Amino acid sequence: MEKKLYRSRTDKTFAGVCGGLGKYINVDPTLVRVIYVLASLVFAGFPGLIVYIVLACIIPEEPMDVDGQQPHQTWQPYQAWSPQDDPPEPPQAEDIPNS
């Protein structure tokens, strides 16, 4: 199977560029972020923010099924509830994805 570079949907801080690079080269994305920031600060000729924005524009976002599963959803959509309704059921253990 051909390996492709994508922006990460699940491991991202801003646009998922460093998360995607980390996944692509099998390195912890935090390490990629630290190296990127250090390179931006140390090398005055390295326009880090401009390069990041360009990469965010040209690297496609990870498809929903790249790892064979949906990305982890960290938020719950708002559901209105009124006192006349039965209270909503709390999530069950099998409904919570493993991290």
PDB file of N, CA and C in Angstrom:
ATOM      1  N   MET A   1       0.838  -1.179   0.000  1.00  0.00           N
ATOM      2  CA  MET A   1       0.000   0.000   0.000  1.00  0.00           C
ATOM      3  C   MET A   1       0.884   1.245   0.000  1.00  0.00           C
ATOM      4  N   GLU A   2       0.526   2.196  -0.804  1.00  0.00           N
ATOM      5  CA  GLU A   2       1.297   3.420  -0.945  1.00  0.00           C
ATOM      6  C   GLU A   2       1.046   4.348   0.247  1.00  0.00           C
ATOM      7  N   LYS A   3       2.122   4.889   0.793  1.00  0.00           N
ATOM      8  CA  LYS A   3       2.040   5.787   1.939  1.00  0.00           C
ATOM      9  C   LYS A   3       1.857   7.212   1.430  1.00  0.00           C
ATOM     10  N   LYS A   4       0.850   7.930   1.971  1.00  0.00           N
ATOM     11  CA  LYS A   4       0.575   9.297   1.529  1.00  0.00           C
ATOM     12  C   LYS A   4       0.648  10.251   2.709  1.00  0.00           C
ATOM     13  N   LEU A   5       1.025  11.476   2.413  1.00  0.00           N
ATOM     14  CA  LEU A   5       1.122  12.527   3.424  1.00  0.00           C
ATOM     15  C   LEU A   5      -0.209  13.263   3.508  1.00  0.00           C
ATOM     16  N   TYR A   6      -0.761  13.309   4.714  1.00  0.00           N
ATOM     17  CA  TYR A   6      -2.004  14.024   4.969  1.00  0.00           C
ATOM     18  C   TYR A   6      -1.840  14.898   6.200  1.00  0.00           C
ATOM     19  N   ARG A   7      -2.663  15.952   6.299  1.00  0.00           N
ATOM     20  CA  ARG A   7      -2.777  16.698   7.549  1.00  0.00           C
ATOM     21  C   ARG A   7      -3.641  15.858   8.486  1.00  0.00           C
ATOM     22  N   SER A   8      -3.220  15.744   9.731  1.00  0.00           N
ATOM     23  CA  SER A   8      -3.927  14.910  10.681  1.00  0.00           C
ATOM     24  C   SER A   8      -5.236  15.555  11.123  1.00  0.00           C
ATOM     25  N   ARG A   9      -6.280  14.737  11.230  1.00  0.00           N
ATOM     26  CA  ARG A   9      -7.556  15.202  11.769  1.00  0.00           C
ATOM     27  C   ARG A   9      -7.589  15.075  13.285  1.00  0.00           C
ATOM     28  N   THR A  10      -6.860  14.106  13.820  1.00  0.00           N
ATOM     29  CA  THR A  10      -6.965  13.800  15.240  1.00  0.00           C
ATOM     30  C   THR A  10      -5.823  14.365  16.072  1.00  0.00           C
ATOM     31  N   ASP A  11      -4.621  14.425  15.533  1.00  0.00           N
ATOM     32  CA  ASP A  11      -3.469  14.889  16.290  1.00  0.00           C
ATOM     33  C   ASP A  11      -3.014  16.223  15.715  1.00  0.00           C
ATOM     34  N   LYS A  12      -3.766  17.267  16.042  1.00  0.00           N
ATOM     35  CA  LYS A  12      -3.418  18.566  15.489  1.00  0.00           C
ATOM     36  C   LYS A  12      -3.517  19.644  16.545  1.00  0.00           C
ATOM     37  N   THR A  13      -2.701  20.679  16.350  1.00  0.00           N
ATOM     38  CA  THR A  13      -2.743  21.847  17.207  1.00  0.00           C
ATOM     39  C   THR A  13      -3.411  22.993  16.460  1.00  0.00           C
ATOM     40  N   PHE A  14      -2.988  23.229  15.229  1.00  0.00           N
ATOM     41  CA  PHE A  14      -3.606  24.265  14.409  1.00  0.00           C
ATOM     42  C   PHE A  14      -4.259  23.642  13.178  1.00  0.00           C
ATOM     43  N   ALA A  15      -3.452  23.249  12.209  1.00  0.00           N
ATOM     44  CA  ALA A  15      -4.010  22.707  10.976  1.00  0.00           C
ATOM     45  C   ALA A  15      -3.684  21.231  10.776  1.00  0.00           C
ATOM     46  N   GLY A  16      -2.900  20.627  11.654  1.00  0.00           N
ATOM     47  CA  GLY A  16      -2.576  19.214  11.542  1.00  0.00           C
ATOM     48  C   GLY A  16      -1.358  18.897  10.704  1.00  0.00           C
ATOM     49  N   VAL A  17      -0.584  19.919  10.334  1.00  0.00           N
ATOM     50  CA  VAL A  17       0.586  19.710   9.477  1.00  0.00           C
ATOM     51  C   VAL A  17       1.647  18.878  10.196  1.00  0.00           C
ATOM     52  N   CYS A  18       2.045  19.280  11.392  1.00  0.00           N
ATOM     53  CA  CYS A  18       3.085  18.545  12.124  1.00  0.00           C
ATOM     54  C   CYS A  18       2.592  17.163  12.556  1.00  0.00           C
ATOM     55  N   GLY A  19       1.327  17.054  12.901  1.00  0.00           N
ATOM     56  CA  GLY A  19       0.764  15.747  13.233  1.00  0.00           C
ATOM     57  C   GLY A  19       0.806  14.804  12.045  1.00  0.00           C
ATOM     58  N   GLY A  20       0.494  15.314  10.872  1.00  0.00           N
ATOM     59  CA  GLY A  20       0.556  14.507   9.659  1.00  0.00           C
ATOM     60  C   GLY A  20       1.979  14.135   9.283  1.00  0.00           C
ATOM     61  N   LEU A  21       2.912  15.090   9.433  1.00  0.00           N
ATOM     62  CA  LEU A  21       4.318  14.791   9.150  1.00  0.00           C
ATOM     63  C   LEU A  21       4.848  13.722  10.111  1.00  0.00           C
ATOM     64  N   GLY A  22       4.483  13.852  11.393  1.00  0.00           N
ATOM     65  CA  GLY A  22       4.915  12.857  12.373  1.00  0.00           C
ATOM     66  C   GLY A  22       4.397  11.471  12.056  1.00  0.00           C
ATOM     67  N   LYS A  23       3.134  11.390  11.655  1.00  0.00           N
ATOM     68  CA  LYS A  23       2.555  10.089  11.300  1.00  0.00           C
ATOM     69  C   LYS A  23       3.230   9.529  10.047  1.00  0.00           C
ATOM     70  N   TYR A  24       3.538  10.410   9.099  1.00  0.00           N
ATOM     71  CA  TYR A  24       4.144   9.978   7.834  1.00  0.00           C
ATOM     72  C   TYR A  24       5.547   9.410   8.039  1.00  0.00           C
ATOM     73  N   ILE A  25       6.352  10.044   8.926  1.00  0.00           N
ATOM     74  CA  ILE A  25       7.726   9.576   9.131  1.00  0.00           C
ATOM     75  C   ILE A  25       7.873   8.729  10.397  1.00  0.00           C
ATOM     76  N   ASN A  26       6.734   8.346  11.003  1.00  0.00           N
ATOM     77  CA  ASN A  26       6.707   7.493  12.200  1.00  0.00           C
ATOM     78  C   ASN A  26       7.511   8.089  13.356  1.00  0.00           C
ATOM     79  N   VAL A  27       7.269   9.369  13.633  1.00  0.00           N
ATOM     80  CA  VAL A  27       7.913  10.083  14.736  1.00  0.00           C
ATOM     81  C   VAL A  27       6.802  10.748  15.540  1.00  0.00           C
ATOM     82  N   ASP A  28       7.017  10.885  16.836  1.00  0.00           N
ATOM     83  CA  ASP A  28       6.047  11.547  17.693  1.00  0.00           C
ATOM     84  C   ASP A  28       5.794  12.971  17.177  1.00  0.00           C
ATOM     85  N   PRO A  29       4.542  13.352  16.922  1.00  0.00           N
ATOM     86  CA  PRO A  29       4.255  14.689  16.405  1.00  0.00           C
ATOM     87  C   PRO A  29       4.739  15.815  17.314  1.00  0.00           C
ATOM     88  N   THR A  30       4.829  15.569  18.622  1.00  0.00           N
ATOM     89  CA  THR A  30       5.352  16.593  19.523  1.00  0.00           C
ATOM     90  C   THR A  30       6.804  16.899  19.194  1.00  0.00           C
ATOM     91  N   LEU A  31       7.574  15.876  18.874  1.00  0.00           N
ATOM     92  CA  LEU A  31       8.963  16.071  18.486  1.00  0.00           C
ATOM     93  C   LEU A  31       9.049  16.870  17.183  1.00  0.00           C
ATOM     94  N   VAL A  32       8.171  16.582  16.240  1.00  0.00           N
ATOM     95  CA  VAL A  32       8.142  17.333  14.980  1.00  0.00           C
ATOM     96  C   VAL A  32       7.826  18.797  15.257  1.00  0.00           C
ATOM     97  N   ARG A  33       6.873  19.048  16.154  1.00  0.00           N
ATOM     98  CA  ARG A  33       6.517  20.435  16.498  1.00  0.00           C
ATOM     99  C   ARG A  33       7.692  21.176  17.138  1.00  0.00           C
ATOM    100  N   VAL A  34       8.373  20.514  18.076  1.00  0.00           N
ATOM    101  CA  VAL A  34       9.504  21.143  18.760  1.00  0.00           C
ATOM    102  C   VAL A  34      10.617  21.470  17.766  1.00  0.00           C
ATOM    103  N   ILE A  35      10.942  20.528  16.898  1.00  0.00           N
ATOM    104  CA  ILE A  35      11.987  20.759  15.892  1.00  0.00           C
ATOM    105  C   ILE A  35      11.579  21.888  14.951  1.00  0.00           C
ATOM    106  N   TYR A  36      10.310  21.933  14.564  1.00  0.00           N
ATOM    107  CA  TYR A  36       9.826  22.979  13.667  1.00  0.00           C
ATOM    108  C   TYR A  36       9.939  24.356  14.317  1.00  0.00           C
ATOM    109  N   VAL A  37       9.534  24.464  15.578  1.00  0.00           N
ATOM    110  CA  VAL A  37       9.609  25.753  16.276  1.00  0.00           C
ATOM    111  C   VAL A  37      11.067  26.165  16.465  1.00  0.00           C
ATOM    112  N   LEU A  38      11.920  25.223  16.862  1.00  0.00           N
ATOM    113  CA  LEU A  38      13.341  25.546  17.036  1.00  0.00           C
ATOM    114  C   LEU A  38      13.971  25.992  15.721  1.00  0.00           C
ATOM    115  N   ALA A  39      13.648  25.295  14.639  1.00  0.00           N
ATOM    116  CA  ALA A  39      14.179  25.681  13.333  1.00  0.00           C
ATOM    117  C   ALA A  39      13.686  27.075  12.952  1.00  0.00           C
ATOM    118  N   SER A  40      12.445  27.395  13.285  1.00  0.00           N
ATOM    119  CA  SER A  40      11.900  28.723  12.976  1.00  0.00           C
ATOM    120  C   SER A  40      12.598  29.819  13.766  1.00  0.00           C
ATOM    121  N   LEU A  41      12.966  29.505  15.019  1.00  0.00           N
ATOM    122  CA  LEU A  41      13.609  30.509  15.864  1.00  0.00           C
ATOM    123  C   LEU A  41      15.109  30.637  15.607  1.00  0.00           C
ATOM    124  N   VAL A  42      15.783  29.513  15.389  1.00  0.00           N
ATOM    125  CA  VAL A  42      17.243  29.513  15.255  1.00  0.00           C
ATOM    126  C   VAL A  42      17.689  30.043  13.901  1.00  0.00           C
ATOM    127  N   PHE A  43      17.068  29.568  12.851  1.00  0.00           N
ATOM    128  CA  PHE A  43      17.479  29.967  11.512  1.00  0.00           C
ATOM    129  C   PHE A  43      16.654  31.161  11.069  1.00  0.00           C
ATOM    130  N   ALA A  44      17.279  32.314  11.042  1.00  0.00           N
ATOM    131  CA  ALA A  44      16.569  33.541  10.677  1.00  0.00           C
ATOM    132  C   ALA A  44      16.043  33.481   9.243  1.00  0.00           C
ATOM    133  N   GLY A  45      16.674  32.674   8.413  1.00  0.00           N
ATOM    134  CA  GLY A  45      16.236  32.562   7.023  1.00  0.00           C
ATOM    135  C   GLY A  45      15.099  31.587   6.828  1.00  0.00           C
ATOM    136  N   PHE A  46      14.647  30.935   7.904  1.00  0.00           N
ATOM    137  CA  PHE A  46      13.571  29.952   7.797  1.00  0.00           C
ATOM    138  C   PHE A  46      12.249  30.616   8.170  1.00  0.00           C
ATOM    139  N   PRO A  47      11.459  31.003   7.186  1.00  0.00           N
ATOM    140  CA  PRO A  47      10.190  31.678   7.481  1.00  0.00           C
ATOM    141  C   PRO A  47       9.120  30.662   7.913  1.00  0.00           C
ATOM    142  N   GLY A  48       9.182  30.262   9.170  1.00  0.00           N
ATOM    143  CA  GLY A  48       8.361  29.164   9.682  1.00  0.00           C
ATOM    144  C   GLY A  48       6.874  29.332   9.499  1.00  0.00           C
ATOM    145  N   LEU A  49       6.330  30.499   9.809  1.00  0.00           N
ATOM    146  CA  LEU A  49       4.887  30.699   9.714  1.00  0.00           C
ATOM    147  C   LEU A  49       4.414  30.638   8.269  1.00  0.00           C
ATOM    148  N   ILE A  50       5.161  31.231   7.370  1.00  0.00           N
ATOM    149  CA  ILE A  50       4.776  31.220   5.953  1.00  0.00           C
ATOM    150  C   ILE A  50       4.816  29.798   5.406  1.00  0.00           C
ATOM    151  N   VAL A  51       5.869  29.049   5.750  1.00  0.00           N
ATOM    152  CA  VAL A  51       5.979  27.659   5.284  1.00  0.00           C
ATOM    153  C   VAL A  51       4.833  26.826   5.841  1.00  0.00           C
ATOM    154  N   TYR A  52       4.487  27.024   7.117  1.00  0.00           N
ATOM    155  CA  TYR A  52       3.390  26.270   7.731  1.00  0.00           C
ATOM    156  C   TYR A  52       2.066  26.553   7.016  1.00  0.00           C
ATOM    157  N   ILE A  53       1.807  27.820   6.726  1.00  0.00           N
ATOM    158  CA  ILE A  53       0.561  28.180   6.037  1.00  0.00           C
ATOM    159  C   ILE A  53       0.520  27.568   4.646  1.00  0.00           C
ATOM    160  N   VAL A  54       1.649  27.597   3.935  1.00  0.00           N
ATOM    161  CA  VAL A  54       1.695  26.996   2.594  1.00  0.00           C
ATOM    162  C   VAL A  54       1.450  25.481   2.689  1.00  0.00           C
ATOM    163  N   LEU A  55       2.102  24.823   3.657  1.00  0.00           N
ATOM    164  CA  LEU A  55       1.893  23.383   3.824  1.00  0.00           C
ATOM    165  C   LEU A  55       0.445  23.071   4.190  1.00  0.00           C
ATOM    166  N   ALA A  56      -0.157  23.893   5.034  1.00  0.00           N
ATOM    167  CA  ALA A  56      -1.550  23.682   5.412  1.00  0.00           C
ATOM    168  C   ALA A  56      -2.476  23.814   4.203  1.00  0.00           C
ATOM    169  N   CYS A  57      -2.087  24.636   3.248  1.00  0.00           N
ATOM    170  CA  CYS A  57      -2.908  24.818   2.047  1.00  0.00           C
ATOM    171  C   CYS A  57      -2.715  23.702   1.024  1.00  0.00           C
ATOM    172  N   ILE A  58      -1.497  23.150   0.924  1.00  0.00           N
ATOM    173  CA  ILE A  58      -1.246  22.181  -0.147  1.00  0.00           C
ATOM    174  C   ILE A  58      -1.347  20.720   0.299  1.00  0.00           C
ATOM    175  N   ILE A  59      -1.172  20.428   1.586  1.00  0.00           N
ATOM    176  CA  ILE A  59      -1.293  19.040   2.045  1.00  0.00           C
ATOM    177  C   ILE A  59      -2.767  18.754   2.299  1.00  0.00           C
ATOM    178  N   PRO A  60      -3.317  17.722   1.672  1.00  0.00           N
ATOM    179  CA  PRO A  60      -4.742  17.430   1.870  1.00  0.00           C
ATOM    180  C   PRO A  60      -5.023  16.911   3.269  1.00  0.00           C
ATOM    181  N   GLU A  61      -6.248  17.150   3.733  1.00  0.00           N
ATOM    182  CA  GLU A  61      -6.651  16.665   5.049  1.00  0.00           C
ATOM    183  C   GLU A  61      -6.882  15.156   4.986  1.00  0.00           C
ATOM    184  N   GLU A  62      -6.556  14.498   6.072  1.00  0.00           N
ATOM    185  CA  GLU A  62      -6.679  13.050   6.184  1.00  0.00           C
ATOM    186  C   GLU A  62      -8.125  12.621   5.925  1.00  0.00           C
ATOM    187  N   PRO A  63      -8.326  11.617   5.056  1.00  0.00           N
ATOM    188  CA  PRO A  63      -9.685  11.106   4.850  1.00  0.00           C
ATOM    189  C   PRO A  63     -10.221  10.485   6.141  1.00  0.00           C
ATOM    190  N   MET A  64     -11.515  10.362   6.221  1.00  0.00           N
ATOM    191  CA  MET A  64     -12.139   9.839   7.438  1.00  0.00           C
ATOM    192  C   MET A  64     -11.711   8.414   7.753  1.00  0.00           C
ATOM    193  N   ASP A  65     -11.347   7.607   6.762  1.00  0.00           N
ATOM    194  CA  ASP A  65     -11.078   6.189   7.007  1.00  0.00           C
ATOM    195  C   ASP A  65      -9.633   5.773   6.748  1.00  0.00           C
ATOM    196  N   VAL A  66      -8.671   6.683   6.913  1.00  0.00           N
ATOM    197  CA  VAL A  66      -7.271   6.360   6.653  1.00  0.00           C
ATOM    198  C   VAL A  66      -6.773   5.236   7.564  1.00  0.00           C
ATOM    199  N   ASP A  67      -7.157   5.248   8.840  1.00  0.00           N
ATOM    200  CA  ASP A  67      -6.743   4.205   9.771  1.00  0.00           C
ATOM    201  C   ASP A  67      -7.811   3.128   9.928  1.00  0.00           C
ATOM    202  N   GLY A  68      -8.828   3.155   9.094  1.00  0.00           N
ATOM    203  CA  GLY A  68      -9.890   2.176   9.183  1.00  0.00           C
ATOM    204  C   GLY A  68     -10.942   2.535  10.223  1.00  0.00           C
ATOM    205  N   GLN A  69     -10.891   3.731  10.779  1.00  0.00           N
ATOM    206  CA  GLN A  69     -11.888   4.144  11.755  1.00  0.00           C
ATOM    207  C   GLN A  69     -12.099   5.645  11.681  1.00  0.00           C
ATOM    208  N   GLN A  70     -13.149   6.085  12.318  1.00  0.00           N
ATOM    209  CA  GLN A  70     -13.464   7.508  12.352  1.00  0.00           C
ATOM    210  C   GLN A  70     -12.510   8.216  13.300  1.00  0.00           C
ATOM    211  N   PRO A  71     -12.192   9.491  13.051  1.00  0.00           N
ATOM    212  CA  PRO A  71     -11.370  10.235  14.002  1.00  0.00           C
ATOM    213  C   PRO A  71     -12.084  10.355  15.346  1.00  0.00           C
ATOM    214  N   HIS A  72     -11.302  10.463  16.407  1.00  0.00           N
ATOM    215  CA  HIS A  72     -11.858  10.591  17.750  1.00  0.00           C
ATOM    216  C   HIS A  72     -12.557  11.929  17.898  1.00  0.00           C
ATOM    217  N   GLN A  73     -13.801  11.899  18.314  1.00  0.00           N
ATOM    218  CA  GLN A  73     -14.564  13.119  18.515  1.00  0.00           C
ATOM    219  C   GLN A  73     -14.401  13.557  19.961  1.00  0.00           C
ATOM    220  N   THR A  74     -13.844  14.743  20.177  1.00  0.00           N
ATOM    221  CA  THR A  74     -13.570  15.201  21.537  1.00  0.00           C
ATOM    222  C   THR A  74     -14.685  16.074  22.097  1.00  0.00           C
ATOM    223  N   TRP A  75     -15.670  16.417  21.313  1.00  0.00           N
ATOM    224  CA  TRP A  75     -16.755  17.255  21.800  1.00  0.00           C
ATOM    225  C   TRP A  75     -18.067  16.563  21.516  1.00  0.00           C
ATOM    226  N   GLN A  76     -19.064  16.922  22.282  1.00  0.00           N
ATOM    227  CA  GLN A  76     -20.403  16.393  22.071  1.00  0.00           C
ATOM    228  C   GLN A  76     -21.295  17.517  21.555  1.00  0.00           C
ATOM    229  N   PRO A  77     -22.079  17.253  20.513  1.00  0.00           N
ATOM    230  CA  PRO A  77     -22.971  18.300  20.026  1.00  0.00           C
ATOM    231  C   PRO A  77     -24.014  18.647  21.093  1.00  0.00           C
ATOM    232  N   TYR A  78     -24.441  19.885  21.105  1.00  0.00           N
ATOM    233  CA  TYR A  78     -25.420  20.354  22.074  1.00  0.00           C
ATOM    234  C   TYR A  78     -26.770  19.712  21.784  1.00  0.00           C
ATOM    235  N   GLN A  79     -27.394  19.184  22.817  1.00  0.00           N
ATOM    236  CA  GLN A  79     -28.738  18.627  22.681  1.00  0.00           C
ATOM    237  C   GLN A  79     -29.623  19.311  23.720  1.00  0.00           C
ATOM    238  N   ALA A  80     -30.659  19.973  23.220  1.00  0.00           N
ATOM    239  CA  ALA A  80     -31.567  20.659  24.138  1.00  0.00           C
ATOM    240  C   ALA A  80     -32.340  19.631  24.950  1.00  0.00           C
ATOM    241  N   TRP A  81     -32.571  19.939  26.222  1.00  0.00           N
ATOM    242  CA  TRP A  81     -33.319  19.062  27.104  1.00  0.00           C
ATOM    243  C   TRP A  81     -34.236  19.919  27.951  1.00  0.00           C
ATOM    244  N   SER A  82     -35.450  19.505  28.075  1.00  0.00           N
ATOM    245  CA  SER A  82     -36.391  20.242  28.910  1.00  0.00           C
ATOM    246  C   SER A  82     -36.834  19.348  30.066  1.00  0.00           C
ATOM    247  N   PRO A  83     -37.291  19.926  31.155  1.00  0.00           N
ATOM    248  CA  PRO A  83     -37.695  19.122  32.311  1.00  0.00           C
ATOM    249  C   PRO A  83     -38.826  18.143  32.013  1.00  0.00           C
ATOM    250  N   GLN A  84     -39.626  18.386  30.975  1.00  0.00           N
ATOM    251  CA  GLN A  84     -40.702  17.460  30.639  1.00  0.00           C
ATOM    252  C   GLN A  84     -40.174  16.168  30.021  1.00  0.00           C
ATOM    253  N   ASP A  85     -38.994  16.212  29.445  1.00  0.00           N
ATOM    254  CA  ASP A  85     -38.394  15.036  28.818  1.00  0.00           C
ATOM    255  C   ASP A  85     -37.702  14.185  29.870  1.00  0.00           C
ATOM    256  N   ASP A  86     -37.500  12.934  29.533  1.00  0.00           N
ATOM    257  CA  ASP A  86     -36.665  12.093  30.385  1.00  0.00           C
ATOM    258  C   ASP A  86     -35.228  12.580  30.246  1.00  0.00           C
ATOM    259  N   PRO A  87     -34.449  12.523  31.329  1.00  0.00           N
ATOM    260  CA  PRO A  87     -33.049  12.971  31.206  1.00  0.00           C
ATOM    261  C   PRO A  87     -32.285  12.090  30.229  1.00  0.00           C
ATOM    262  N   PRO A  88     -31.312  12.668  29.517  1.00  0.00           N
ATOM    263  CA  PRO A  88     -30.540  11.867  28.562  1.00  0.00           C
ATOM    264  C   PRO A  88     -29.717  10.800  29.275  1.00  0.00           C
ATOM    265  N   GLU A  89     -29.522   9.693  28.606  1.00  0.00           N
ATOM    266  CA  GLU A  89     -28.737   8.588  29.151  1.00  0.00           C
ATOM    267  C   GLU A  89     -27.256   8.947  29.121  1.00  0.00           C
ATOM    268  N   PRO A  90     -26.508   8.643  30.173  1.00  0.00           N
ATOM    269  CA  PRO A  90     -25.060   8.877  30.122  1.00  0.00           C
ATOM    270  C   PRO A  90     -24.414   7.895  29.143  1.00  0.00           C
ATOM    271  N   PRO A  91     -23.276   8.260  28.581  1.00  0.00           N
ATOM    272  CA  PRO A  91     -22.621   7.349  27.630  1.00  0.00           C
ATOM    273  C   PRO A  91     -22.173   6.066  28.327  1.00  0.00           C
ATOM    274  N   GLN A  92     -22.293   4.979  27.614  1.00  0.00           N
ATOM    275  CA  GLN A  92     -21.868   3.677  28.128  1.00  0.00           C
ATOM    276  C   GLN A  92     -20.394   3.473  27.793  1.00  0.00           C
ATOM    277  N   ALA A  93     -19.757   2.572  28.501  1.00  0.00           N
ATOM    278  CA  ALA A  93     -18.319   2.317  28.305  1.00  0.00           C
ATOM    279  C   ALA A  93     -18.018   1.896  26.874  1.00  0.00           C
ATOM    280  N   GLU A  94     -18.900   1.125  26.253  1.00  0.00           N
ATOM    281  CA  GLU A  94     -18.631   0.669  24.888  1.00  0.00           C
ATOM    282  C   GLU A  94     -18.815   1.779  23.865  1.00  0.00           C
ATOM    283  N   ASP A  95     -19.474   2.908  24.254  1.00  0.00           N
ATOM    284  CA  ASP A  95     -19.663   4.034  23.344  1.00  0.00           C
ATOM    285  C   ASP A  95     -18.447   4.963  23.333  1.00  0.00           C
ATOM    286  N   ILE A  96     -17.582   4.854  24.333  1.00  0.00           N
ATOM    287  CA  ILE A  96     -16.432   5.749  24.437  1.00  0.00           C
ATOM    288  C   ILE A  96     -15.241   5.095  23.728  1.00  0.00           C
ATOM    289  N   PRO A  97     -14.687   5.767  22.687  1.00  0.00           N
ATOM    290  CA  PRO A  97     -13.569   5.164  21.944  1.00  0.00           C
ATOM    291  C   PRO A  97     -12.316   5.074  22.807  1.00  0.00           C
ATOM    292  N   ASN A  98     -11.511   4.066  22.538  1.00  0.00           N
ATOM    293  CA  ASN A  98     -10.235   3.913  23.242  1.00  0.00           C
ATOM    294  C   ASN A  98      -9.241   4.899  22.698  1.00  0.00           C
ATOM    295  N   SER A  99      -8.447   5.494  23.564  1.00  0.00           N
ATOM    296  CA  SER A  99      -7.433   6.451  23.123  1.00  0.00           C
ATOM    297  C   SER A  99      -6.116   5.779  22.958  1.00  0.00           C
TER     298      SER A  99
END
